Amino acid sequence: MDPVIIVGAGPVGLTLALALARQEVPCVVLDEGPGKDEPRPARTVVLREDTAALIERLTGVPLAHAGVRWAGWRSVRRKQVMCEVTFGDADPAPVHIAQHVLTDALRTALAGERLVRTAVESRLDTIEQEPSGVTAHTRGAAGTWWRGSYLVGCDGPRSTVRKLQDIRFPGRTAVERHAVAALRTELPWYEEALLHRQPPWRVSGPSAGEITARPLPDDVWRLDWLLPPGKDLVTPELLLARVRETLAGWGGGPTPPYELLDTGVHTVHHRLARRWRADRVFLAGDAAHLLGTLGTHGLDEGLRDADNLAWKLALAWHHGPHEALLDSYQTERRAIVAARLRAADQALPLLRGGGVLRAYVPGSARGHDTLLTDGHLGRGALGAPGSYAASPLAPGPLAGDAPVGTVPGEAVTDVRVTAEDGTFVRLRDRLGRGALLVVLIAPGTGVWERRHWVSAGIMPRLAAAVSALPHPAELLVAESYPGAAAHTVLLVRPDGHLVAALSGVRPADLYTAAEAVLGGPAAEEAGEGASATADAGAGSR
């Protein structure tokens, strides 16, 4: 079968290529550039816990070594601390990393993948679809035709793929603008991020009512100044004045020594593509959506697009197209991004406007800081990852449903599990392989070798039920899971979202849930035999 064509070699396209290769799907990445990003210290990304874990799993690179995992977060208004957060195991820290460093890590990991081919200096200009595949043409010195099974446009805000498919991209332009500087200096906070609203000192030029400071390795910081509405030119002189006054204001004295490394202006747009799928062509990342006001970060959602789409494309590539499963990519991901955009658009006039509108946020200034903290830290309606509870892949109520601390559709908690070979691993380490995960909660198993309990109690019945599922599944055992009673069985999607939690071994319910998450009735090759096996197992309860 032909490879998957990925247009765009940014973080989203490279992540998708790696995720597909790990599931034995060949890919061709069409890179418009030379195959290497220009270092830009002022162009950085903040990754939440789930997306940082995804990148670490795919690249094998601990991101805390390439970036900074924040020690804490502080929100200040004038001179008053409004909110302080100290990160730890119960509240994992975001990771702040330069985008070119992240991209280099992904490119390095791809270089070792035998199933991925990268074509540099390859600019897409034509897409032709037919029932059996996609043909794409690239122009340039090495212009040629490429044949693929599917094509995914990860080619950014000005996506050629989106335009060739005549997909509308409505929304708002220049919702926010920030002046940005990356500089090496010493600040009063060590590896803590800061949001400073209405600083008490005078800032040169138009009012700068909000400043954000985020740490990077080697005493480098990224500073962002929110600019007032309009198109006022940010001159080098104005930016330098803001750097000096801000550093002096935070230090309480003269401007401390600093080395200016990079500057820029970051403009935030809010847009959402009408469609994310056109037959065998898909959109992901900035080609499908733009967001980023109030501290939110669009790359997180782009990486979640790649994680969601990879296992569905892999299943279709290996087992034949299953339209309901492929359609669910747009349904699931677009709904979550649309909700994030709506939440930001509703909060913007309250936080950026004036007059009576501010009174609608409970707690006035403190309520405003809570909303902004949610956006920056990936919480609440502005920043939380979102749930697939309303997904067309959800199985609906089952007779054996059991309560756990994770609502079906949400990402599972990363607990320690025992794998089939008897080793102890993290649950997230088993994601992204294309298989469903079935997790039995069995207190006490962690202190015994697997050979002592693998053939005892309910394990043989559960193993038989797992082997009868309509898609390959891996059976794991955990000592505990938040909110789960002993002998609870979890069914988890390949991208780490909970499908169902069942009380005990219920083969029929487990089969029904697995069948639903695959988009409906099992493929013909799974046949009636698997279903008959599940029914036989249900009768033995």
Protein backbone atom coordinates (compact mmCIF):
# COMPACT_ATOMS: atom_id res chain seq x y z
CA MET A 1 0.00 0.00 0.00
CA ASP A 2 1.20 3.54 -0.73
CA PRO A 3 2.69 5.66 2.09
CA VAL A 4 0.90 8.49 3.88
CA ILE A 5 1.97 11.88 2.49
CA ILE A 6 2.53 14.55 5.17
CA VAL A 7 2.81 18.10 3.87
CA GLY A 8 4.80 20.28 6.26
CA ALA A 9 7.82 19.57 8.45
CA GLY A 10 6.97 21.60 11.52
CA PRO A 11 6.43 20.01 14.96
CA VAL A 12 2.95 18.69 14.06
CA GLY A 13 3.96 17.11 10.76
CA LEU A 14 7.11 15.54 12.21
CA THR A 15 5.19 14.24 15.24
CA LEU A 16 2.57 12.65 12.99
CA ALA A 17 5.27 11.01 10.86
CA LEU A 18 6.95 9.54 13.94
CA ALA A 19 3.64 8.36 15.39
CA LEU A 20 2.72 6.61 12.13
CA ALA A 21 6.16 5.03 11.75
CA ARG A 22 5.90 3.57 15.26
CA GLN A 23 2.75 1.83 14.04
CA GLU A 24 4.51 0.46 10.93
CA VAL A 25 2.97 2.93 8.48
CA PRO A 26 5.38 4.36 5.85
CA CYS A 27 5.32 8.12 5.31
CA VAL A 28 6.71 10.77 3.00
CA VAL A 29 7.23 14.20 4.57
CA LEU A 30 7.22 17.06 2.05
CA ASP A 31 9.38 19.82 3.53
CA GLU A 32 9.17 23.17 1.78
CA GLY A 33 12.41 24.28 3.46
CA PRO A 34 15.99 23.03 3.54
CA GLY A 35 15.44 20.50 6.32
CA LYS A 36 16.78 22.60 9.18
CA ASP A 37 15.19 25.42 11.18
CA GLU A 38 16.91 28.72 11.81
CA PRO A 39 17.58 29.15 15.56
CA ARG A 40 15.15 31.73 16.98
CA PRO A 41 15.36 31.98 20.80
CA ALA A 42 12.30 34.25 20.87
CA ARG A 43 10.16 31.63 19.12
CA THR A 44 9.29 29.18 21.85
CA VAL A 45 6.51 26.78 22.79
CA VAL A 46 4.96 25.70 26.08
CA LEU A 47 3.95 22.03 26.27
CA ARG A 48 1.50 20.69 28.84
CA GLU A 49 1.99 17.39 30.62
CA ASP A 50 0.26 15.23 27.99
CA THR A 51 1.90 16.75 24.92
CA ALA A 52 5.34 16.80 26.56
CA ALA A 53 4.89 13.10 27.36
CA LEU A 54 3.92 12.42 23.73
CA ILE A 55 7.09 14.09 22.42
CA GLU A 56 9.29 12.32 24.96
CA ARG A 57 7.77 8.95 24.05
CA LEU A 58 8.35 9.49 20.34
CA THR A 59 11.84 11.03 20.49
CA GLY A 60 13.30 9.43 23.61
CA VAL A 61 14.56 12.90 24.60
CA PRO A 62 13.79 14.13 28.15
CA LEU A 63 12.42 17.59 27.38
CA ALA A 64 13.54 18.97 30.73
CA HIS A 65 17.11 18.66 29.39
CA ALA A 66 16.29 20.58 26.20
CA GLY A 67 13.99 23.14 27.78
CA VAL A 68 12.86 24.13 31.27
CA ARG A 69 10.19 22.39 33.31
CA TRP A 70 8.86 25.24 35.41
CA ALA A 71 9.40 25.11 39.15
CA GLY A 72 6.42 27.38 39.74
CA TRP A 73 4.06 30.01 38.43
CA ARG A 74 3.31 33.42 39.86
CA SER A 75 0.64 35.94 38.91
CA VAL A 76 1.20 39.52 40.13
CA ARG A 77 -1.02 42.59 39.83
CA ARG A 78 0.80 45.86 40.47
CA LYS A 79 2.86 44.79 43.50
CA GLN A 80 0.46 42.19 44.89
CA VAL A 81 0.88 38.44 44.33
CA MET A 82 -2.53 37.20 43.17
CA CYS A 83 -1.73 33.53 42.58
CA GLU A 84 1.20 31.20 43.23
CA VAL A 85 1.56 27.61 42.03
CA THR A 86 4.34 25.20 42.98
CA PHE A 87 4.55 22.26 40.62
CA GLY A 88 5.08 18.67 41.74
CA ASP A 89 3.84 15.12 41.18
CA ALA A 90 0.22 16.11 41.87
CA ASP A 91 0.45 19.18 39.62
CA PRO A 92 2.92 18.48 36.77
CA ALA A 93 4.77 21.47 35.33
CA PRO A 94 4.59 22.67 31.74
CA VAL A 95 7.79 22.55 29.68
CA HIS A 96 9.10 25.68 27.94
CA ILE A 97 11.37 25.00 24.97
CA ALA A 98 12.63 26.84 21.90
CA GLN A 99 10.71 25.63 18.86
CA HIS A 100 13.83 24.98 16.79
CA VAL A 101 15.19 22.77 19.60
CA LEU A 102 11.93 20.80 19.63
CA THR A 103 11.96 20.46 15.84
CA ASP A 104 15.60 19.33 15.85
CA ALA A 105 14.75 16.58 18.38
CA LEU A 106 11.90 15.38 16.16
CA ARG A 107 14.09 15.47 13.03
CA THR A 108 16.84 13.50 14.79
CA ALA A 109 14.34 10.83 15.84
CA LEU A 110 12.96 10.67 12.28
CA ALA A 111 16.43 10.21 10.82
CA GLY A 112 16.52 6.74 12.34
CA GLU A 113 13.11 5.69 11.05
CA ARG A 114 13.35 3.35 8.06
CA LEU A 115 9.69 3.95 7.16
CA VAL A 116 9.94 7.74 6.82
CA ARG A 117 11.33 9.61 3.84
CA THR A 118 11.77 13.39 3.98
CA ALA A 119 11.85 15.39 0.74
CA VAL A 120 13.34 18.86 1.28
CA GLU A 121 12.80 21.89 -0.97
CA SER A 122 9.51 20.32 -2.02
CA ARG A 123 6.65 22.79 -2.37
CA LEU A 124 3.21 21.31 -3.00
CA ASP A 125 1.20 22.71 -5.90
CA THR A 126 -1.29 20.00 -6.94
CA ILE A 127 -3.43 17.34 -5.26
CA GLU A 128 -5.45 14.77 -7.18
CA GLN A 129 -7.73 12.29 -5.41
CA GLU A 130 -9.26 9.03 -6.54
CA PRO A 131 -10.98 6.20 -4.65
CA SER A 132 -7.75 4.23 -4.20
CA GLY A 133 -5.38 7.02 -3.15
CA VAL A 134 -3.94 10.52 -3.51
CA THR A 135 -1.41 11.95 -5.96
CA ALA A 136 0.53 15.12 -5.08
CA HIS A 137 2.87 17.18 -7.20
CA THR A 138 5.74 19.27 -5.85
CA ARG A 139 7.59 21.94 -7.75
CA GLY A 140 11.20 23.06 -7.53
CA ALA A 141 14.53 21.70 -8.68
CA ALA A 142 13.40 18.18 -7.78
CA GLY A 143 9.74 18.62 -8.70
CA THR A 144 7.95 15.30 -9.03
CA TRP A 145 4.72 13.38 -8.47
CA TRP A 146 4.10 11.52 -5.20
CA ARG A 147 1.62 8.70 -4.74
CA GLY A 148 0.03 8.16 -1.33
CA SER A 149 -2.77 6.34 0.42
CA TYR A 150 -3.74 9.46 2.41
CA LEU A 151 -2.45 13.03 2.62
CA VAL A 152 -2.31 15.23 5.74
CA GLY A 153 -1.81 18.98 5.53
CA CYS A 154 0.36 20.12 8.44
CA ASP A 155 1.55 23.12 6.46
CA GLY A 156 0.61 25.97 8.74
CA PRO A 157 -1.74 28.97 8.69
CA ARG A 158 -1.37 29.60 4.95
CA SER A 159 -1.91 25.91 4.19
CA THR A 160 -1.65 25.05 0.51
CA VAL A 161 -3.46 21.78 1.20
CA ARG A 162 -6.42 23.65 2.68
CA LYS A 163 -6.57 26.04 -0.28
CA LEU A 164 -6.31 23.26 -2.87
CA GLN A 165 -9.23 21.50 -1.20
CA ASP A 166 -11.22 24.76 -1.17
CA ILE A 167 -11.81 24.62 2.58
CA ARG A 168 -12.84 27.90 4.21
CA PHE A 169 -10.86 29.21 7.19
CA PRO A 170 -13.06 31.83 8.89
CA GLY A 171 -12.22 33.67 12.08
CA ARG A 172 -10.65 36.80 13.53
CA THR A 173 -7.38 38.48 12.62
CA ALA A 174 -4.92 40.06 15.10
CA VAL A 175 -6.93 39.22 18.21
CA GLU A 176 -3.83 40.05 20.28
CA ARG A 177 -0.31 41.30 19.57
CA HIS A 178 2.77 40.90 21.75
CA ALA A 179 6.23 42.39 21.55
CA VAL A 180 8.70 39.58 22.29
CA ALA A 181 12.32 39.50 23.41
CA ALA A 182 14.66 36.63 24.33
CA LEU A 183 17.52 37.72 26.57
CA ARG A 184 20.10 36.29 28.93
CA THR A 185 19.95 37.83 32.39
CA GLU A 186 19.30 37.05 36.05
CA LEU A 187 15.76 37.57 37.33
CA PRO A 188 14.55 37.32 40.94
CA TRP A 189 12.77 34.02 40.19
CA TYR A 190 14.60 30.77 39.45
CA GLU A 191 12.88 28.71 36.75
CA GLU A 192 9.51 30.22 37.68
CA ALA A 193 7.18 31.72 35.10
CA LEU A 194 5.61 35.08 35.85
CA LEU A 195 2.52 36.96 34.68
CA HIS A 196 2.71 40.62 35.75
CA ARG A 197 -0.42 42.71 35.17
CA GLN A 198 -0.44 46.50 35.49
CA PRO A 199 3.19 46.87 36.65
CA PRO A 200 3.64 49.95 38.88
CA TRP A 201 6.46 51.50 36.85
CA ARG A 202 5.96 53.54 33.73
CA VAL A 203 6.61 51.62 30.50
CA SER A 204 7.79 53.59 27.50
CA GLY A 205 5.38 54.07 24.65
CA PRO A 206 1.78 52.80 24.64
CA SER A 207 0.65 51.22 27.90
CA ALA A 208 1.96 47.70 28.56
CA GLY A 209 -0.63 46.34 30.94
CA GLU A 210 0.62 42.75 30.92
CA ILE A 211 4.09 41.21 30.84
CA THR A 212 4.92 37.51 30.81
CA ALA A 213 8.33 36.05 31.69
CA ARG A 214 9.13 32.41 30.89
CA PRO A 215 12.49 30.74 31.66
CA LEU A 216 14.65 28.87 29.16
CA PRO A 217 17.95 27.00 29.75
CA ASP A 218 21.22 28.86 30.42
CA ASP A 219 19.62 31.89 32.15
CA VAL A 220 17.68 32.83 29.03
CA TRP A 221 14.19 34.30 29.40
CA ARG A 222 11.41 35.04 26.94
CA LEU A 223 9.53 38.24 27.79
CA ASP A 224 6.20 39.15 26.17
CA TRP A 225 4.55 42.58 26.41
CA LEU A 226 0.87 42.74 25.49
CA LEU A 227 0.42 45.53 22.94
CA PRO A 228 -2.66 47.76 22.79
CA PRO A 229 -5.12 47.25 19.92
CA GLY A 230 -4.06 48.76 16.63
CA LYS A 231 -1.09 48.55 14.30
CA ASP A 232 1.42 50.76 16.10
CA LEU A 233 4.93 50.01 14.90
CA VAL A 234 7.18 48.33 17.48
CA THR A 235 10.53 50.01 16.86
CA PRO A 236 13.86 48.67 18.16
CA GLU A 237 14.15 51.75 20.38
CA LEU A 238 10.74 51.14 21.92
CA LEU A 239 11.51 47.48 22.56
CA LEU A 240 14.87 48.25 24.18
CA ALA A 241 13.22 50.82 26.41
CA ARG A 242 10.70 48.24 27.55
CA VAL A 243 13.42 45.69 28.26
CA ARG A 244 15.41 48.15 30.38
CA GLU A 245 12.42 49.50 32.32
CA THR A 246 10.98 46.03 32.93
CA LEU A 247 14.26 44.58 34.22
CA ALA A 248 14.85 47.66 36.40
CA GLY A 249 11.29 47.48 37.74
CA TRP A 250 11.60 43.82 38.70
CA GLY A 251 15.04 44.35 40.25
CA GLY A 252 14.04 47.46 42.18
CA GLY A 253 17.09 49.40 41.00
CA PRO A 254 19.11 50.19 37.89
CA THR A 255 18.81 47.92 34.87
CA PRO A 256 20.85 44.76 35.51
CA PRO A 257 23.24 43.40 32.87
CA TYR A 258 21.55 41.52 30.03
CA GLU A 259 22.30 40.13 26.58
CA LEU A 260 19.58 40.60 23.98
CA LEU A 261 19.40 37.46 21.80
CA ASP A 262 16.30 37.83 19.65
CA THR A 263 13.20 39.97 19.24
CA GLY A 264 9.93 39.85 17.36
CA VAL A 265 6.22 40.64 17.32
CA HIS A 266 3.81 37.77 17.93
CA THR A 267 0.35 38.27 16.41
CA VAL A 268 -2.47 35.96 17.51
CA HIS A 269 -5.30 35.02 15.14
CA HIS A 270 -8.42 32.95 15.89
CA ARG A 271 -9.51 30.76 12.98
CA LEU A 272 -11.13 27.36 12.51
CA ALA A 273 -11.34 25.40 9.26
CA ARG A 274 -14.85 24.42 8.21
CA ARG A 275 -13.75 20.88 7.39
CA TRP A 276 -10.77 18.86 8.58
CA ARG A 277 -11.31 16.01 6.13
CA ALA A 278 -11.92 15.91 2.39
CA ASP A 279 -12.06 12.21 1.43
CA ARG A 280 -8.43 11.04 1.72
CA VAL A 281 -7.06 14.47 2.65
CA PHE A 282 -6.88 15.72 6.27
CA LEU A 283 -5.80 18.93 8.02
CA ALA A 284 -3.94 19.16 11.32
CA GLY A 285 -2.30 21.85 13.46
CA ASP A 286 -2.27 25.45 12.28
CA ALA A 287 -3.66 24.38 8.91
CA ALA A 288 -6.88 23.47 10.73
CA HIS A 289 -7.01 26.00 13.58
CA LEU A 290 -5.36 29.07 15.03
CA LEU A 291 -5.68 30.06 18.68
CA GLY A 292 -3.42 31.49 21.33
CA THR A 293 -4.91 34.42 23.24
CA LEU A 294 -4.95 34.71 27.03
CA GLY A 295 -1.93 32.48 27.51
CA THR A 296 -3.18 29.48 25.54
CA HIS A 297 -0.80 27.70 23.15
CA GLY A 298 -1.89 26.35 19.79
CA LEU A 299 0.90 23.81 19.39
CA ASP A 300 -0.57 21.72 22.20
CA GLU A 301 -3.75 21.27 20.18
CA GLY A 302 -1.78 20.56 17.01
CA LEU A 303 0.13 17.75 18.73
CA ARG A 304 -3.15 16.36 20.04
CA ASP A 305 -4.44 16.41 16.45
CA ALA A 306 -1.47 14.27 15.39
CA ASP A 307 -1.94 11.85 18.30
CA ASN A 308 -5.65 11.46 17.55
CA LEU A 309 -5.21 11.00 13.80
CA ALA A 310 -2.18 8.69 13.85
CA TRP A 311 -3.81 5.56 15.27
CA LYS A 312 -6.90 5.99 13.09
CA LEU A 313 -4.87 6.34 9.90
CA ALA A 314 -2.70 3.40 10.96
CA LEU A 315 -5.73 1.19 11.49
CA ALA A 316 -7.17 2.20 8.11
CA TRP A 317 -3.79 1.69 6.40
CA HIS A 318 -3.32 -1.81 7.81
CA HIS A 319 -6.92 -3.08 7.77
CA GLY A 320 -8.72 -1.08 5.10
CA PRO A 321 -10.66 2.19 5.35
CA HIS A 322 -13.24 2.47 8.07
CA GLU A 323 -15.06 5.70 7.31
CA ALA A 324 -16.73 6.19 10.69
CA LEU A 325 -13.37 5.94 12.44
CA LEU A 326 -11.69 8.39 10.05
CA ASP A 327 -14.63 10.81 10.27
CA SER A 328 -14.33 10.81 14.06
CA TYR A 329 -11.02 12.69 13.80
CA GLN A 330 -12.79 15.85 12.66
CA THR A 331 -15.72 15.35 15.02
CA GLU A 332 -13.58 14.90 18.10
CA ARG A 333 -10.79 17.38 17.49
CA ARG A 334 -12.77 20.19 15.90
CA ALA A 335 -15.31 20.20 18.75
CA ILE A 336 -12.59 20.62 21.37
CA VAL A 337 -10.77 23.41 19.52
CA ALA A 338 -14.07 25.18 18.80
CA ALA A 339 -14.92 25.09 22.52
CA ARG A 340 -11.50 26.55 23.37
CA LEU A 341 -12.01 29.35 20.85
CA ARG A 342 -15.49 30.12 22.18
CA ALA A 343 -14.19 30.28 25.75
CA ALA A 344 -11.39 32.65 24.74
CA ASP A 345 -13.72 34.87 22.71
CA GLN A 346 -16.12 35.12 25.66
CA ALA A 347 -13.34 35.97 28.11
CA LEU A 348 -11.51 38.49 25.92
CA PRO A 349 -13.88 41.47 26.41
CA LEU A 350 -13.96 40.83 30.15
CA LEU A 351 -10.19 40.70 30.52
CA ARG A 352 -9.11 43.20 27.88
CA GLY A 353 -12.10 45.54 27.88
CA GLY A 354 -13.12 48.10 30.44
CA GLY A 355 -16.13 49.55 32.18
CA VAL A 356 -19.04 47.45 33.39
CA LEU A 357 -17.94 44.35 31.46
CA ARG A 358 -15.27 43.62 34.07
CA ALA A 359 -17.92 43.27 36.75
CA TYR A 360 -19.21 40.06 35.18
CA VAL A 361 -16.11 38.11 36.24
CA PRO A 362 -16.54 36.99 39.88
CA GLY A 363 -13.87 38.35 42.18
CA SER A 364 -12.92 41.15 39.76
CA ALA A 365 -9.11 41.25 39.49
CA ARG A 366 -8.63 37.90 41.22
CA GLY A 367 -11.15 36.29 38.89
CA HIS A 368 -9.30 37.74 35.92
CA ASP A 369 -6.03 36.29 37.14
CA THR A 370 -7.66 32.89 37.61
CA LEU A 371 -8.81 32.90 33.98
CA LEU A 372 -5.38 33.93 32.72
CA THR A 373 -3.67 31.31 34.90
CA ASP A 374 -5.98 28.67 33.41
CA GLY A 375 -4.88 29.69 29.92
CA HIS A 376 -1.18 29.75 30.71
CA LEU A 377 -1.16 26.50 32.71
CA GLY A 378 -3.57 24.45 30.61
CA ARG A 379 -6.55 24.39 32.94
CA GLY A 380 -10.26 25.09 32.77
CA ALA A 381 -12.21 25.99 29.65
CA LEU A 382 -9.34 28.09 28.29
CA GLY A 383 -6.57 25.52 28.54
CA ALA A 384 -7.62 22.02 29.57
CA PRO A 385 -6.99 19.25 26.99
CA GLY A 386 -10.68 18.46 26.50
CA SER A 387 -12.66 15.22 26.56
CA TYR A 388 -14.05 12.91 23.89
CA ALA A 389 -17.09 12.01 26.03
CA ALA A 390 -19.47 13.02 23.22
CA SER A 391 -17.45 11.20 20.55
CA PRO A 392 -19.23 9.01 18.01
CA LEU A 393 -16.74 6.34 19.12
CA ALA A 394 -18.12 6.30 22.69
CA PRO A 395 -19.84 2.98 23.45
CA GLY A 396 -22.65 4.49 25.51
CA PRO A 397 -23.90 3.04 28.81
CA LEU A 398 -22.87 -0.56 29.49
CA ALA A 399 -24.36 -2.96 32.02
CA GLY A 400 -21.00 -3.39 33.71
CA ASP A 401 -19.96 0.29 33.94
CA ALA A 402 -17.87 1.04 37.02
CA PRO A 403 -16.98 4.43 38.53
CA VAL A 404 -13.34 5.56 38.34
CA GLY A 405 -11.58 8.88 38.75
CA THR A 406 -11.44 9.40 34.96
CA VAL A 407 -14.59 10.13 32.99
CA PRO A 408 -14.83 8.07 29.78
CA GLY A 409 -13.44 10.21 26.98
CA GLU A 410 -10.78 11.88 29.15
CA ALA A 411 -7.08 11.04 29.08
CA VAL A 412 -6.15 8.30 31.55
CA THR A 413 -3.94 8.90 34.56
CA ASP A 414 -0.36 7.74 34.09
CA VAL A 415 0.00 4.90 36.63
CA ARG A 416 2.60 2.16 36.94
CA VAL A 417 1.55 -1.08 35.23
CA THR A 418 2.95 -4.57 34.74
CA ALA A 419 3.41 -5.40 31.06
CA GLU A 420 2.89 -8.81 29.51
CA ASP A 421 6.61 -9.60 29.81
CA GLY A 422 6.50 -8.96 33.56
CA THR A 423 8.32 -5.60 33.50
CA PHE A 424 7.07 -2.53 35.34
CA VAL A 425 6.40 0.44 33.02
CA ARG A 426 4.30 3.60 32.97
CA LEU A 427 0.91 3.33 31.31
CA ARG A 428 1.79 6.14 28.91
CA ASP A 429 4.80 4.14 27.70
CA ARG A 430 2.40 1.61 26.12
CA LEU A 431 0.46 4.20 24.11
CA GLY A 432 0.92 4.98 20.44
CA ARG A 433 1.51 1.40 19.27
CA GLY A 434 -1.84 0.98 17.55
CA ALA A 435 -3.16 -1.55 20.06
CA LEU A 436 -6.01 -1.07 22.51
CA LEU A 437 -4.98 -1.32 26.15
CA VAL A 438 -6.89 -3.36 28.70
CA VAL A 439 -5.87 -2.59 32.29
CA LEU A 440 -6.90 -4.77 35.24
CA ILE A 441 -6.78 -3.10 38.67
CA ALA A 442 -5.42 -5.80 40.98
CA PRO A 443 -4.04 -4.65 44.37
CA GLY A 444 -1.09 -6.67 45.59
CA THR A 445 0.19 -7.85 42.22
CA GLY A 446 3.07 -5.38 42.34
CA VAL A 447 4.81 -7.31 45.12
CA TRP A 448 4.67 -10.69 43.37
CA GLU A 449 6.31 -11.87 40.20
CA ARG A 450 3.95 -12.05 37.28
CA ARG A 451 4.29 -15.83 36.96
CA HIS A 452 2.61 -16.22 40.38
CA TRP A 453 -0.63 -14.45 39.46
CA VAL A 454 -0.90 -14.51 35.66
CA SER A 455 -2.76 -17.84 35.74
CA ALA A 456 -4.70 -17.23 38.95
CA GLY A 457 -8.12 -15.79 39.77
CA ILE A 458 -9.83 -13.89 36.97
CA MET A 459 -6.73 -13.46 34.82
CA PRO A 460 -7.33 -16.46 32.50
CA ARG A 461 -10.91 -15.32 31.76
CA LEU A 462 -9.78 -11.76 31.14
CA ALA A 463 -6.93 -12.89 28.89
CA ALA A 464 -9.39 -14.96 26.84
CA ALA A 465 -11.74 -11.97 26.51
CA VAL A 466 -8.86 -9.71 25.41
CA SER A 467 -7.69 -12.21 22.78
CA ALA A 468 -11.22 -12.27 21.34
CA LEU A 469 -11.47 -8.49 20.80
CA PRO A 470 -11.94 -7.21 17.23
CA HIS A 471 -8.57 -5.42 17.30
CA PRO A 472 -5.19 -6.30 18.84
CA ALA A 473 -5.07 -5.36 22.53
CA GLU A 474 -2.42 -5.48 25.23
CA LEU A 475 -3.35 -6.71 28.71
CA LEU A 476 -1.76 -4.74 31.56
CA VAL A 477 -2.13 -4.94 35.33
CA ALA A 478 -2.04 -2.02 37.77
CA GLU A 479 -1.94 -2.13 41.55
CA SER A 480 -4.24 0.88 41.73
CA TYR A 481 -5.95 3.58 39.71
CA PRO A 482 -7.59 6.75 41.06
CA GLY A 483 -11.17 6.02 42.10
CA ALA A 484 -11.12 2.41 40.90
CA ALA A 485 -12.09 -0.60 43.00
CA ALA A 486 -10.26 -3.91 42.86
CA HIS A 487 -10.95 -5.97 39.71
CA THR A 488 -12.04 -2.93 37.70
CA VAL A 489 -11.13 -3.34 34.01
CA LEU A 490 -10.23 -0.28 31.93
CA LEU A 491 -10.34 -0.15 28.13
CA VAL A 492 -8.02 2.56 26.79
CA ARG A 493 -7.64 3.92 23.24
CA PRO A 494 -4.22 3.91 21.55
CA ASP A 495 -4.04 7.68 22.17
CA GLY A 496 -4.59 7.28 25.90
CA HIS A 497 -8.26 8.22 26.30
CA LEU A 498 -10.52 6.06 28.45
CA VAL A 499 -13.19 4.14 26.53
CA ALA A 500 -14.90 2.33 29.40
CA ALA A 501 -14.39 1.14 32.98
CA LEU A 502 -16.05 -2.19 33.80
CA SER A 503 -16.67 -3.93 37.10
CA GLY A 504 -14.93 -7.27 36.72
CA VAL A 505 -14.48 -9.45 33.67
CA ARG A 506 -17.38 -8.78 31.30
CA PRO A 507 -16.39 -10.11 27.86
CA ALA A 508 -19.55 -8.96 26.07
CA ASP A 509 -19.30 -5.39 27.42
CA LEU A 510 -15.58 -5.30 26.68
CA TYR A 511 -16.18 -6.45 23.10
CA THR A 512 -19.00 -3.92 22.62
CA ALA A 513 -16.79 -1.07 23.85
CA ALA A 514 -13.88 -2.15 21.66
CA GLU A 515 -16.12 -2.44 18.63
CA ALA A 516 -17.54 1.04 19.24
CA VAL A 517 -14.16 2.71 19.56
CA LEU A 518 -13.15 1.23 16.20
CA GLY A 519 -16.07 3.05 14.60
CA GLY A 520 -18.72 0.34 14.58
CA PRO A 521 -18.96 -3.32 13.60
CA ALA A 522 -15.63 -5.07 13.35
CA ALA A 523 -13.94 -5.46 9.97
CA GLU A 524 -14.96 -8.52 8.00
CA GLU A 525 -11.65 -10.23 8.58
CA ALA A 526 -12.35 -10.20 12.32
CA GLY A 527 -15.53 -12.01 11.31
CA GLU A 528 -18.23 -13.67 13.24
CA GLY A 529 -15.76 -15.91 15.02
CA ALA A 530 -14.47 -13.19 17.32
CA SER A 531 -18.02 -12.12 18.17
CA ALA A 532 -19.01 -15.72 18.88
CA THR A 533 -16.00 -16.10 21.16
CA ALA A 534 -17.03 -12.97 23.08
CA ASP A 535 -20.59 -14.22 23.43
CA ALA A 536 -19.30 -17.55 24.72
CA GLY A 537 -17.16 -15.73 27.26
CA ALA A 538 -20.15 -13.65 28.37
CA GLY A 539 -22.11 -16.80 29.05
CA SER A 540 -19.42 -18.08 31.41
CA ARG A 541 -19.75 -15.19 33.87
